[in-house]
Amino acid sequence: MSSQKEREIAAMYGKGRILDDSHMHTAFSTDSSAPVRSMLDAAVERGLRTVCITDHMDLDYPVQDEEENGEDGPLFQFDVEEYIRVLSGLREEYRDRLDVRIGIEIGLQPHLAGRYEQMLKNHPFDYVIGSVHLIRGMDPYYGRLFEGRSDQEAYREAFTETLDCLKRLDDFDALGHLDYVVRYGKHQAKTYSYWAFADEIDAVLRKLIDLGKGLEMNMGGVKYGLGFPNPHPDVLKRYRELGGEIVTVGADAHRPEHVAYAFAEAAEILKSCGFDYYAEYRDRRPVFRKI
């Protein structure tokens, strides 16, 4: 993107705008029907500089949830070779308008380390998000996790599961939407705060920092009505206090209208949490951008 174009965007949207959306889904993901081009065109319209397509790869997703969705085959899996072939062609097609990166969002489960490591070793991704979508094999989205237990019990279990995943699987670049489970609690954020789960969350953050991994600020929490991103700003602030420096930003868009969702707010949140820079990834290495 030319410096003139960047100045025009800054004049339109204000200084400090985040111009890189590092988390979005297309029709390669089970939960999106958006053509890749529709997402890229939306990014161009919003004046973004860089996007990373990060479609879902959740190996061993539970059969019961596949049946509930009426799907014939495994959910959240796709042909990786075809994915890279299509995105590589589009990266070239859009190169004068948008820097298109090729990423993936893997669903962390403790037993999957070897399978993911083999897949990632053999494919040239720019960015790998590691996200915990399943707790004891249950996706909070479907509600089974909350049957017979309080939100607080389920949330604590999710953070414990996340730490267990980090101890066994570290071939990813940033941890996605850390408190994702709160989106689907019976009372969502009414009984949630960083301080209520400080011991569990601190253990996760310290492990991320020890591993040299980033933490994603996912604006999907705002989109889903929580009133804050995932994780909560208090968690982001604590990550910074503990020495964490790598924060990526993604809207978690599954439709074109949600590309770069609430990014003006994202910039302000990061500043308030003590960050002067956010990160994007190229070739699995962080590139820092000033807010």
C-alpha atoms as a PDB file:
ATOM      1  CA  MET A   1       0.000   0.000   0.000  1.00  0.00           C
ATOM      2  CA  SER A   2       1.354   3.409  -0.931  1.00  0.00           C
ATOM      3  CA  SER A   3       2.155   6.000   1.710  1.00  0.00           C
ATOM      4  CA  GLN A   4      -0.366   8.315   0.032  1.00  0.00           C
ATOM      5  CA  LYS A   5      -3.089   5.680   0.439  1.00  0.00           C
ATOM      6  CA  GLU A   6      -2.132   5.165   4.075  1.00  0.00           C
ATOM      7  CA  ARG A   7      -2.398   8.920   4.687  1.00  0.00           C
ATOM      8  CA  GLU A   8      -5.846   8.963   3.092  1.00  0.00           C
ATOM      9  CA  ILE A   9      -7.005   6.110   5.315  1.00  0.00           C
ATOM     10  CA  ALA A  10      -5.584   7.780   8.417  1.00  0.00           C
ATOM     11  CA  ALA A  11      -7.415  10.978   7.525  1.00  0.00           C
ATOM     12  CA  MET A  12     -10.648   9.028   7.079  1.00  0.00           C
ATOM     13  CA  TYR A  13     -10.453   6.785  10.135  1.00  0.00           C
ATOM     14  CA  GLY A  14      -8.055   8.591  12.463  1.00  0.00           C
ATOM     15  CA  LYS A  15      -4.550   7.835  13.644  1.00  0.00           C
ATOM     16  CA  GLY A  16      -3.800   4.598  15.389  1.00  0.00           C
ATOM     17  CA  ARG A  17      -6.133   2.513  13.269  1.00  0.00           C
ATOM     18  CA  ILE A  18      -5.209  -1.141  13.003  1.00  0.00           C
ATOM     19  CA  LEU A  19      -4.745  -2.025   9.343  1.00  0.00           C
ATOM     20  CA  ASP A  20      -4.125  -5.758   9.628  1.00  0.00           C
ATOM     21  CA  ASP A  21      -6.836  -8.353  10.279  1.00  0.00           C
ATOM     22  CA  SER A  22      -5.148 -11.594  11.279  1.00  0.00           C
ATOM     23  CA  HIS A  23      -8.177 -13.816  11.854  1.00  0.00           C
ATOM     24  CA  MET A  24     -10.915 -14.510   9.313  1.00  0.00           C
ATOM     25  CA  HIS A  25     -12.771 -17.473   7.866  1.00  0.00           C
ATOM     26  CA  THR A  26     -14.027 -18.399   4.425  1.00  0.00           C
ATOM     27  CA  ALA A  27     -15.996 -21.229   2.834  1.00  0.00           C
ATOM     28  CA  PHE A  28     -13.047 -23.532   3.574  1.00  0.00           C
ATOM     29  CA  SER A  29     -14.320 -23.444   7.177  1.00  0.00           C
ATOM     30  CA  THR A  30     -17.424 -25.462   8.041  1.00  0.00           C
ATOM     31  CA  ASP A  31     -19.003 -22.475   9.797  1.00  0.00           C
ATOM     32  CA  SER A  32     -18.634 -19.998   6.908  1.00  0.00           C
ATOM     33  CA  SER A  33     -20.109 -19.815   3.415  1.00  0.00           C
ATOM     34  CA  ALA A  34     -18.156 -16.705   2.389  1.00  0.00           C
ATOM     35  CA  PRO A  35     -16.152 -16.939  -0.849  1.00  0.00           C
ATOM     36  CA  VAL A  36     -12.530 -15.986  -0.243  1.00  0.00           C
ATOM     37  CA  ARG A  37     -12.795 -13.100  -2.704  1.00  0.00           C
ATOM     38  CA  SER A  38     -15.719 -11.601  -0.785  1.00  0.00           C
ATOM     39  CA  MET A  39     -13.565 -11.384   2.350  1.00  0.00           C
ATOM     40  CA  LEU A  40     -10.621  -9.917   0.482  1.00  0.00           C
ATOM     41  CA  ASP A  41     -12.820  -7.351  -1.283  1.00  0.00           C
ATOM     42  CA  ALA A  42     -14.274  -6.292   2.074  1.00  0.00           C
ATOM     43  CA  ALA A  43     -10.752  -5.824   3.424  1.00  0.00           C
ATOM     44  CA  VAL A  44      -9.829  -3.642   0.442  1.00  0.00           C
ATOM     45  CA  GLU A  45     -12.984  -1.560   0.918  1.00  0.00           C
ATOM     46  CA  ARG A  46     -12.082  -0.980   4.568  1.00  0.00           C
ATOM     47  CA  GLY A  47      -8.593   0.149   3.646  1.00  0.00           C
ATOM     48  CA  LEU A  48      -6.739  -2.709   5.261  1.00  0.00           C
ATOM     49  CA  ARG A  49      -3.090  -3.261   4.466  1.00  0.00           C
ATOM     50  CA  THR A  50      -2.821  -6.955   5.367  1.00  0.00           C
ATOM     51  CA  VAL A  51      -5.136  -9.887   6.024  1.00  0.00           C
ATOM     52  CA  CYS A  52      -4.476 -13.444   7.034  1.00  0.00           C
ATOM     53  CA  ILE A  53      -6.997 -16.118   6.092  1.00  0.00           C
ATOM     54  CA  THR A  54      -7.126 -18.557   9.030  1.00  0.00           C
ATOM     55  CA  ASP A  55      -9.650 -21.269   8.296  1.00  0.00           C
ATOM     56  CA  HIS A  56     -10.557 -23.894  10.871  1.00  0.00           C
ATOM     57  CA  MET A  57      -8.690 -27.182  11.177  1.00  0.00           C
ATOM     58  CA  ASP A  58     -10.107 -28.975  14.219  1.00  0.00           C
ATOM     59  CA  LEU A  59      -8.968 -32.571  14.091  1.00  0.00           C
ATOM     60  CA  ASP A  60     -11.052 -35.085  16.060  1.00  0.00           C
ATOM     61  CA  TYR A  61     -14.032 -32.775  16.364  1.00  0.00           C
ATOM     62  CA  PRO A  62     -16.741 -34.711  18.262  1.00  0.00           C
ATOM     63  CA  VAL A  63     -19.115 -36.854  16.228  1.00  0.00           C
ATOM     64  CA  GLN A  64     -22.170 -35.818  18.213  1.00  0.00           C
ATOM     65  CA  ASP A  65     -21.711 -32.184  17.212  1.00  0.00           C
ATOM     66  CA  GLU A  66     -21.285 -33.174  13.569  1.00  0.00           C
ATOM     67  CA  GLU A  67     -24.629 -34.991  13.745  1.00  0.00           C
ATOM     68  CA  GLU A  68     -26.292 -31.995  15.365  1.00  0.00           C
ATOM     69  CA  ASN A  69     -25.163 -29.857  12.449  1.00  0.00           C
ATOM     70  CA  GLY A  70     -26.429 -32.364   9.896  1.00  0.00           C
ATOM     71  CA  GLU A  71     -23.004 -32.629   8.251  1.00  0.00           C
ATOM     72  CA  ASP A  72     -22.047 -35.773   6.351  1.00  0.00           C
ATOM     73  CA  GLY A  73     -18.291 -35.567   6.901  1.00  0.00           C
ATOM     74  CA  PRO A  74     -15.928 -34.300   9.577  1.00  0.00           C
ATOM     75  CA  LEU A  75     -16.487 -30.726  10.642  1.00  0.00           C
ATOM     76  CA  PHE A  76     -13.714 -28.145  10.548  1.00  0.00           C
ATOM     77  CA  GLN A  77     -11.383 -29.974   8.199  1.00  0.00           C
ATOM     78  CA  PHE A  78     -10.434 -29.167   4.611  1.00  0.00           C
ATOM     79  CA  ASP A  79      -8.007 -30.133   1.866  1.00  0.00           C
ATOM     80  CA  VAL A  80      -4.873 -28.257   2.894  1.00  0.00           C
ATOM     81  CA  GLU A  81      -3.198 -28.616  -0.502  1.00  0.00           C
ATOM     82  CA  GLU A  82      -6.218 -27.103  -2.265  1.00  0.00           C
ATOM     83  CA  TYR A  83      -6.449 -24.369   0.360  1.00  0.00           C
ATOM     84  CA  ILE A  84      -2.851 -23.271  -0.176  1.00  0.00           C
ATOM     85  CA  ARG A  85      -3.200 -23.507  -3.962  1.00  0.00           C
ATOM     86  CA  VAL A  86      -6.306 -21.267  -4.008  1.00  0.00           C
ATOM     87  CA  LEU A  87      -4.953 -18.732  -1.525  1.00  0.00           C
ATOM     88  CA  SER A  88      -1.579 -18.556  -3.251  1.00  0.00           C
ATOM     89  CA  GLY A  89      -3.332 -17.645  -6.510  1.00  0.00           C
ATOM     90  CA  LEU A  90      -5.421 -14.982  -4.810  1.00  0.00           C
ATOM     91  CA  ARG A  91      -2.394 -13.578  -3.017  1.00  0.00           C
ATOM     92  CA  GLU A  92      -0.848 -12.931  -6.417  1.00  0.00           C
ATOM     93  CA  GLU A  93      -4.105 -11.567  -7.854  1.00  0.00           C
ATOM     94  CA  TYR A  94      -4.553  -9.033  -5.012  1.00  0.00           C
ATOM     95  CA  ARG A  95      -0.891  -8.162  -4.504  1.00  0.00           C
ATOM     96  CA  ASP A  96      -1.294  -4.526  -5.645  1.00  0.00           C
ATOM     97  CA  ARG A  97      -4.297  -3.952  -3.381  1.00  0.00           C
ATOM     98  CA  LEU A  98      -3.773  -6.133  -0.339  1.00  0.00           C
ATOM     99  CA  ASP A  99      -1.069  -8.219   1.300  1.00  0.00           C
ATOM    100  CA  VAL A 100      -2.733 -11.626   1.639  1.00  0.00           C
ATOM    101  CA  ARG A 101      -1.189 -14.047   4.129  1.00  0.00           C
ATOM    102  CA  ILE A 102      -1.993 -17.738   4.402  1.00  0.00           C
ATOM    103  CA  GLY A 103      -2.794 -18.946   7.892  1.00  0.00           C
ATOM    104  CA  ILE A 104      -4.744 -21.597   9.715  1.00  0.00           C
ATOM    105  CA  GLU A 105      -6.558 -21.919  13.048  1.00  0.00           C
ATOM    106  CA  ILE A 106      -5.876 -25.280  14.650  1.00  0.00           C
ATOM    107  CA  GLY A 107      -8.089 -26.619  17.414  1.00  0.00           C
ATOM    108  CA  LEU A 108      -5.823 -27.534  20.318  1.00  0.00           C
ATOM    109  CA  GLN A 109      -6.363 -30.816  22.112  1.00  0.00           C
ATOM    110  CA  PRO A 110      -3.613 -32.413  24.210  1.00  0.00           C
ATOM    111  CA  HIS A 111      -3.419 -35.634  22.177  1.00  0.00           C
ATOM    112  CA  LEU A 112      -3.075 -33.961  18.756  1.00  0.00           C
ATOM    113  CA  ALA A 113       0.474 -32.587  19.004  1.00  0.00           C
ATOM    114  CA  GLY A 114       2.104 -35.059  16.626  1.00  0.00           C
ATOM    115  CA  ARG A 115      -0.570 -34.831  13.941  1.00  0.00           C
ATOM    116  CA  TYR A 116      -0.535 -31.035  13.869  1.00  0.00           C
ATOM    117  CA  GLU A 117       3.257 -30.855  13.904  1.00  0.00           C
ATOM    118  CA  GLN A 118       3.420 -33.109  10.845  1.00  0.00           C
ATOM    119  CA  MET A 119       0.826 -31.069   8.967  1.00  0.00           C
ATOM    120  CA  LEU A 120       2.466 -27.729   9.771  1.00  0.00           C
ATOM    121  CA  LYS A 121       5.945 -28.973   8.927  1.00  0.00           C
ATOM    122  CA  ASN A 122       4.823 -29.841   5.404  1.00  0.00           C
ATOM    123  CA  HIS A 123       2.968 -26.624   4.524  1.00  0.00           C
ATOM    124  CA  PRO A 124       4.168 -23.000   4.203  1.00  0.00           C
ATOM    125  CA  PHE A 125       1.826 -21.106   6.515  1.00  0.00           C
ATOM    126  CA  ASP A 126       2.456 -17.503   7.494  1.00  0.00           C
ATOM    127  CA  TYR A 127       0.555 -17.684  10.770  1.00  0.00           C
ATOM    128  CA  VAL A 128      -0.896 -20.419  12.964  1.00  0.00           C
ATOM    129  CA  ILE A 129      -3.519 -19.638  15.590  1.00  0.00           C
ATOM    130  CA  GLY A 130      -3.840 -22.232  18.327  1.00  0.00           C
ATOM    131  CA  SER A 131      -7.339 -22.161  19.816  1.00  0.00           C
ATOM    132  CA  VAL A 132      -9.076 -24.299  22.402  1.00  0.00           C
ATOM    133  CA  HIS A 133     -12.582 -25.014  21.099  1.00  0.00           C
ATOM    134  CA  LEU A 134     -13.144 -28.246  23.021  1.00  0.00           C
ATOM    135  CA  ILE A 135     -13.141 -28.899  26.746  1.00  0.00           C
ATOM    136  CA  ARG A 136     -13.285 -32.613  27.528  1.00  0.00           C
ATOM    137  CA  GLY A 137     -14.378 -33.081  23.934  1.00  0.00           C
ATOM    138  CA  MET A 138     -17.254 -30.593  24.207  1.00  0.00           C
ATOM    139  CA  ASP A 139     -17.533 -27.305  22.353  1.00  0.00           C
ATOM    140  CA  PRO A 140     -19.075 -24.650  24.651  1.00  0.00           C
ATOM    141  CA  TYR A 141     -21.054 -23.446  21.637  1.00  0.00           C
ATOM    142  CA  TYR A 142     -23.483 -26.377  21.971  1.00  0.00           C
ATOM    143  CA  GLY A 143     -24.140 -25.938  25.691  1.00  0.00           C
ATOM    144  CA  ARG A 144     -23.368 -29.468  26.884  1.00  0.00           C
ATOM    145  CA  LEU A 145     -20.342 -28.249  28.799  1.00  0.00           C
ATOM    146  CA  PHE A 146     -22.600 -26.212  31.080  1.00  0.00           C
ATOM    147  CA  GLU A 147     -25.049 -28.992  31.923  1.00  0.00           C
ATOM    148  CA  GLY A 148     -24.906 -29.836  35.612  1.00  0.00           C
ATOM    149  CA  ARG A 149     -22.230 -27.263  36.436  1.00  0.00           C
ATOM    150  CA  SER A 150     -21.997 -23.542  37.049  1.00  0.00           C
ATOM    151  CA  ASP A 151     -20.470 -21.111  34.614  1.00  0.00           C
ATOM    152  CA  GLN A 152     -17.587 -20.618  37.023  1.00  0.00           C
ATOM    153  CA  GLU A 153     -16.839 -24.347  37.101  1.00  0.00           C
ATOM    154  CA  ALA A 154     -16.932 -24.580  33.308  1.00  0.00           C
ATOM    155  CA  TYR A 155     -14.754 -21.494  32.852  1.00  0.00           C
ATOM    156  CA  ARG A 156     -12.150 -22.792  35.300  1.00  0.00           C
ATOM    157  CA  GLU A 157     -12.112 -26.140  33.529  1.00  0.00           C
ATOM    158  CA  ALA A 158     -11.570 -24.379  30.189  1.00  0.00           C
ATOM    159  CA  PHE A 159      -8.535 -22.482  31.480  1.00  0.00           C
ATOM    160  CA  THR A 160      -7.102 -25.672  32.990  1.00  0.00           C
ATOM    161  CA  GLU A 161      -7.605 -27.494  29.677  1.00  0.00           C
ATOM    162  CA  THR A 162      -5.879 -24.629  27.863  1.00  0.00           C
ATOM    163  CA  LEU A 163      -2.811 -24.905  30.071  1.00  0.00           C
ATOM    164  CA  ASP A 164      -2.732 -28.670  29.537  1.00  0.00           C
ATOM    165  CA  CYS A 165      -2.771 -28.095  25.770  1.00  0.00           C
ATOM    166  CA  LEU A 166       0.115 -25.609  25.993  1.00  0.00           C
ATOM    167  CA  LYS A 167       2.194 -28.095  27.951  1.00  0.00           C
ATOM    168  CA  ARG A 168       1.835 -30.678  25.195  1.00  0.00           C
ATOM    169  CA  LEU A 169       1.523 -28.751  21.943  1.00  0.00           C
ATOM    170  CA  ASP A 170       3.513 -25.639  21.113  1.00  0.00           C
ATOM    171  CA  ASP A 171       3.650 -25.557  17.295  1.00  0.00           C
ATOM    172  CA  PHE A 172       1.521 -22.440  16.879  1.00  0.00           C
ATOM    173  CA  ASP A 173       2.214 -18.701  16.883  1.00  0.00           C
ATOM    174  CA  ALA A 174      -0.490 -17.095  19.031  1.00  0.00           C
ATOM    175  CA  LEU A 175      -3.201 -18.368  21.353  1.00  0.00           C
ATOM    176  CA  GLY A 176      -6.640 -17.566  19.979  1.00  0.00           C
ATOM    177  CA  HIS A 177      -9.545 -16.029  21.943  1.00  0.00           C
ATOM    178  CA  LEU A 178      -8.370 -17.183  25.380  1.00  0.00           C
ATOM    179  CA  ASP A 179     -11.719 -16.786  27.197  1.00  0.00           C
ATOM    180  CA  TYR A 180     -13.827 -18.040  24.274  1.00  0.00           C
ATOM    181  CA  VAL A 181     -15.830 -20.186  26.717  1.00  0.00           C
ATOM    182  CA  VAL A 182     -17.398 -17.051  28.249  1.00  0.00           C
ATOM    183  CA  ARG A 183     -19.273 -16.308  25.014  1.00  0.00           C
ATOM    184  CA  TYR A 184     -21.507 -19.320  25.601  1.00  0.00           C
ATOM    185  CA  GLY A 185     -21.920 -19.457  29.364  1.00  0.00           C
ATOM    186  CA  LYS A 186     -25.447 -19.510  30.729  1.00  0.00           C
ATOM    187  CA  HIS A 187     -24.851 -16.022  32.124  1.00  0.00           C
ATOM    188  CA  GLN A 188     -21.888 -15.102  29.930  1.00  0.00           C
ATOM    189  CA  ALA A 189     -19.798 -12.441  31.692  1.00  0.00           C
ATOM    190  CA  LYS A 190     -21.992 -11.879  34.758  1.00  0.00           C
ATOM    191  CA  THR A 191     -19.773 -14.099  36.885  1.00  0.00           C
ATOM    192  CA  TYR A 192     -16.565 -13.671  34.913  1.00  0.00           C
ATOM    193  CA  SER A 193     -13.550 -11.483  35.537  1.00  0.00           C
ATOM    194  CA  TYR A 194      -9.811 -11.900  35.327  1.00  0.00           C
ATOM    195  CA  TRP A 195      -9.611 -11.670  39.108  1.00  0.00           C
ATOM    196  CA  ALA A 196     -12.051 -14.551  39.623  1.00  0.00           C
ATOM    197  CA  PHE A 197      -9.704 -16.848  37.684  1.00  0.00           C
ATOM    198  CA  ALA A 198      -6.380 -15.100  38.191  1.00  0.00           C
ATOM    199  CA  ASP A 199      -4.445 -18.208  39.215  1.00  0.00           C
ATOM    200  CA  GLU A 200      -5.551 -20.221  36.191  1.00  0.00           C
ATOM    201  CA  ILE A 201      -5.202 -17.358  33.708  1.00  0.00           C
ATOM    202  CA  ASP A 202      -1.780 -16.324  35.029  1.00  0.00           C
ATOM    203  CA  ALA A 203      -0.554 -19.891  34.560  1.00  0.00           C
ATOM    204  CA  VAL A 204      -1.655 -19.788  30.916  1.00  0.00           C
ATOM    205  CA  LEU A 205      -0.087 -16.365  30.310  1.00  0.00           C
ATOM    206  CA  ARG A 206       3.211 -17.321  31.936  1.00  0.00           C
ATOM    207  CA  LYS A 207       3.369 -20.470  29.827  1.00  0.00           C
ATOM    208  CA  LEU A 208       2.731 -18.473  26.637  1.00  0.00           C
ATOM    209  CA  ILE A 209       5.521 -16.066  27.520  1.00  0.00           C
ATOM    210  CA  ASP A 210       7.894 -18.924  28.366  1.00  0.00           C
ATOM    211  CA  LEU A 211       7.150 -20.456  24.961  1.00  0.00           C
ATOM    212  CA  GLY A 212       7.617 -17.140  23.150  1.00  0.00           C
ATOM    213  CA  LYS A 213       4.051 -17.246  21.834  1.00  0.00           C
ATOM    214  CA  GLY A 214       1.690 -14.394  21.147  1.00  0.00           C
ATOM    215  CA  LEU A 215      -1.769 -13.697  22.520  1.00  0.00           C
ATOM    216  CA  GLU A 216      -4.598 -12.841  20.175  1.00  0.00           C
ATOM    217  CA  MET A 217      -7.055 -10.025  20.838  1.00  0.00           C
ATOM    218  CA  ASN A 218     -10.165 -11.374  19.154  1.00  0.00           C
ATOM    219  CA  MET A 219     -12.888  -8.803  18.507  1.00  0.00           C
ATOM    220  CA  GLY A 220     -15.487 -11.540  18.183  1.00  0.00           C
ATOM    221  CA  GLY A 221     -16.358 -11.018  21.843  1.00  0.00           C
ATOM    222  CA  VAL A 222     -17.573  -7.514  20.992  1.00  0.00           C
ATOM    223  CA  LYS A 223     -19.481  -8.844  17.991  1.00  0.00           C
ATOM    224  CA  TYR A 224     -21.175 -11.517  20.124  1.00  0.00           C
ATOM    225  CA  GLY A 225     -22.375  -9.013  22.705  1.00  0.00           C
ATOM    226  CA  LEU A 226     -19.936  -9.571  25.563  1.00  0.00           C
ATOM    227  CA  GLY A 227     -18.947  -5.908  25.525  1.00  0.00           C
ATOM    228  CA  PHE A 228     -15.232  -6.777  25.389  1.00  0.00           C
ATOM    229  CA  PRO A 229     -12.857  -8.740  23.155  1.00  0.00           C
ATOM    230  CA  ASN A 230     -11.520 -12.191  23.923  1.00  0.00           C
ATOM    231  CA  PRO A 231      -9.616 -12.144  26.128  1.00  0.00           C
ATOM    232  CA  HIS A 232     -10.915  -9.418  28.425  1.00  0.00           C
ATOM    233  CA  PRO A 233      -8.719  -6.260  28.505  1.00  0.00           C
ATOM    234  CA  ASP A 234      -7.732  -7.082  32.083  1.00  0.00           C
ATOM    235  CA  VAL A 235      -6.176 -10.291  30.772  1.00  0.00           C
ATOM    236  CA  LEU A 236      -4.348  -8.402  28.034  1.00  0.00           C
ATOM    237  CA  LYS A 237      -3.072  -5.925  30.609  1.00  0.00           C
ATOM    238  CA  ARG A 238      -1.865  -8.751  32.819  1.00  0.00           C
ATOM    239  CA  TYR A 239      -0.072 -10.387  29.871  1.00  0.00           C
ATOM    240  CA  ARG A 240       1.769  -7.099  29.354  1.00  0.00           C
ATOM    241  CA  GLU A 241       2.600  -6.804  33.067  1.00  0.00           C
ATOM    242  CA  LEU A 242       4.096 -10.297  33.024  1.00  0.00           C
ATOM    243  CA  GLY A 243       6.327  -9.353  30.095  1.00  0.00           C
ATOM    244  CA  GLY A 244       4.204 -10.418  27.130  1.00  0.00           C
ATOM    245  CA  GLU A 245       4.853  -8.366  24.000  1.00  0.00           C
ATOM    246  CA  ILE A 246       3.220 -10.166  21.063  1.00  0.00           C
ATOM    247  CA  VAL A 247      -0.457  -9.323  20.527  1.00  0.00           C
ATOM    248  CA  THR A 248      -2.213 -10.052  17.262  1.00  0.00           C
ATOM    249  CA  VAL A 249      -5.585  -8.591  16.312  1.00  0.00           C
ATOM    250  CA  GLY A 250      -8.383 -10.349  14.474  1.00  0.00           C
ATOM    251  CA  ALA A 251     -12.083  -9.792  13.920  1.00  0.00           C
ATOM    252  CA  ASP A 252     -12.790 -13.538  13.618  1.00  0.00           C
ATOM    253  CA  ALA A 253     -15.056 -12.625  10.704  1.00  0.00           C
ATOM    254  CA  HIS A 254     -17.061 -15.371   9.016  1.00  0.00           C
ATOM    255  CA  ARG A 255     -18.860 -12.922   6.709  1.00  0.00           C
ATOM    256  CA  PRO A 256     -17.583  -9.947   4.714  1.00  0.00           C
ATOM    257  CA  GLU A 257     -19.463  -7.368   6.781  1.00  0.00           C
ATOM    258  CA  HIS A 258     -17.492  -8.378   9.879  1.00  0.00           C
ATOM    259  CA  VAL A 259     -13.995  -7.923   8.448  1.00  0.00           C
ATOM    260  CA  ALA A 260     -12.044  -5.485  10.694  1.00  0.00           C
ATOM    261  CA  TYR A 261     -15.001  -5.396  13.100  1.00  0.00           C
ATOM    262  CA  ALA A 262     -14.569  -2.782  15.873  1.00  0.00           C
ATOM    263  CA  PHE A 263     -10.928  -2.161  14.934  1.00  0.00           C
ATOM    264  CA  ALA A 264     -11.002   1.476  16.035  1.00  0.00           C
ATOM    265  CA  GLU A 265     -12.009   0.220  19.473  1.00  0.00           C
ATOM    266  CA  ALA A 266      -9.298  -2.446  19.285  1.00  0.00           C
ATOM    267  CA  ALA A 267      -6.577   0.174  18.923  1.00  0.00           C
ATOM    268  CA  GLU A 268      -7.790   2.052  21.982  1.00  0.00           C
ATOM    269  CA  ILE A 269      -8.013  -1.114  24.053  1.00  0.00           C
ATOM    270  CA  LEU A 270      -4.444  -2.092  23.237  1.00  0.00           C
ATOM    271  CA  LYS A 271      -3.166   1.368  24.148  1.00  0.00           C
ATOM    272  CA  SER A 272      -5.037   1.263  27.446  1.00  0.00           C
ATOM    273  CA  CYS A 273      -3.431  -2.108  28.212  1.00  0.00           C
ATOM    274  CA  GLY A 274       0.077  -0.728  27.738  1.00  0.00           C
ATOM    275  CA  PHE A 275       0.831  -1.793  24.167  1.00  0.00           C
ATOM    276  CA  ASP A 276       2.383   0.566  21.628  1.00  0.00           C
ATOM    277  CA  TYR A 277       2.600  -2.132  18.955  1.00  0.00           C
ATOM    278  CA  TYR A 278       0.572  -5.034  17.673  1.00  0.00           C
ATOM    279  CA  ALA A 279       1.916  -7.950  15.637  1.00  0.00           C
ATOM    280  CA  GLU A 280       1.146  -9.649  12.360  1.00  0.00           C
ATOM    281  CA  TYR A 281       2.922 -12.757  11.111  1.00  0.00           C
ATOM    282  CA  ARG A 282       4.812 -13.580   7.939  1.00  0.00           C
ATOM    283  CA  ASP A 283       6.577 -16.921   7.497  1.00  0.00           C
ATOM    284  CA  ARG A 284       5.743 -17.765  11.133  1.00  0.00           C
ATOM    285  CA  ARG A 285       7.661 -14.706  12.407  1.00  0.00           C
ATOM    286  CA  PRO A 286       6.086 -11.662  14.094  1.00  0.00           C
ATOM    287  CA  VAL A 287       6.213  -8.277  12.385  1.00  0.00           C
ATOM    288  CA  PHE A 288       5.446  -5.398  14.748  1.00  0.00           C
ATOM    289  CA  ARG A 289       3.280  -2.443  13.741  1.00  0.00           C
ATOM    290  CA  LYS A 290       2.964   0.774  15.720  1.00  0.00           C
ATOM    291  CA  ILE A 291      -0.572   1.593  16.811  1.00  0.00           C
END
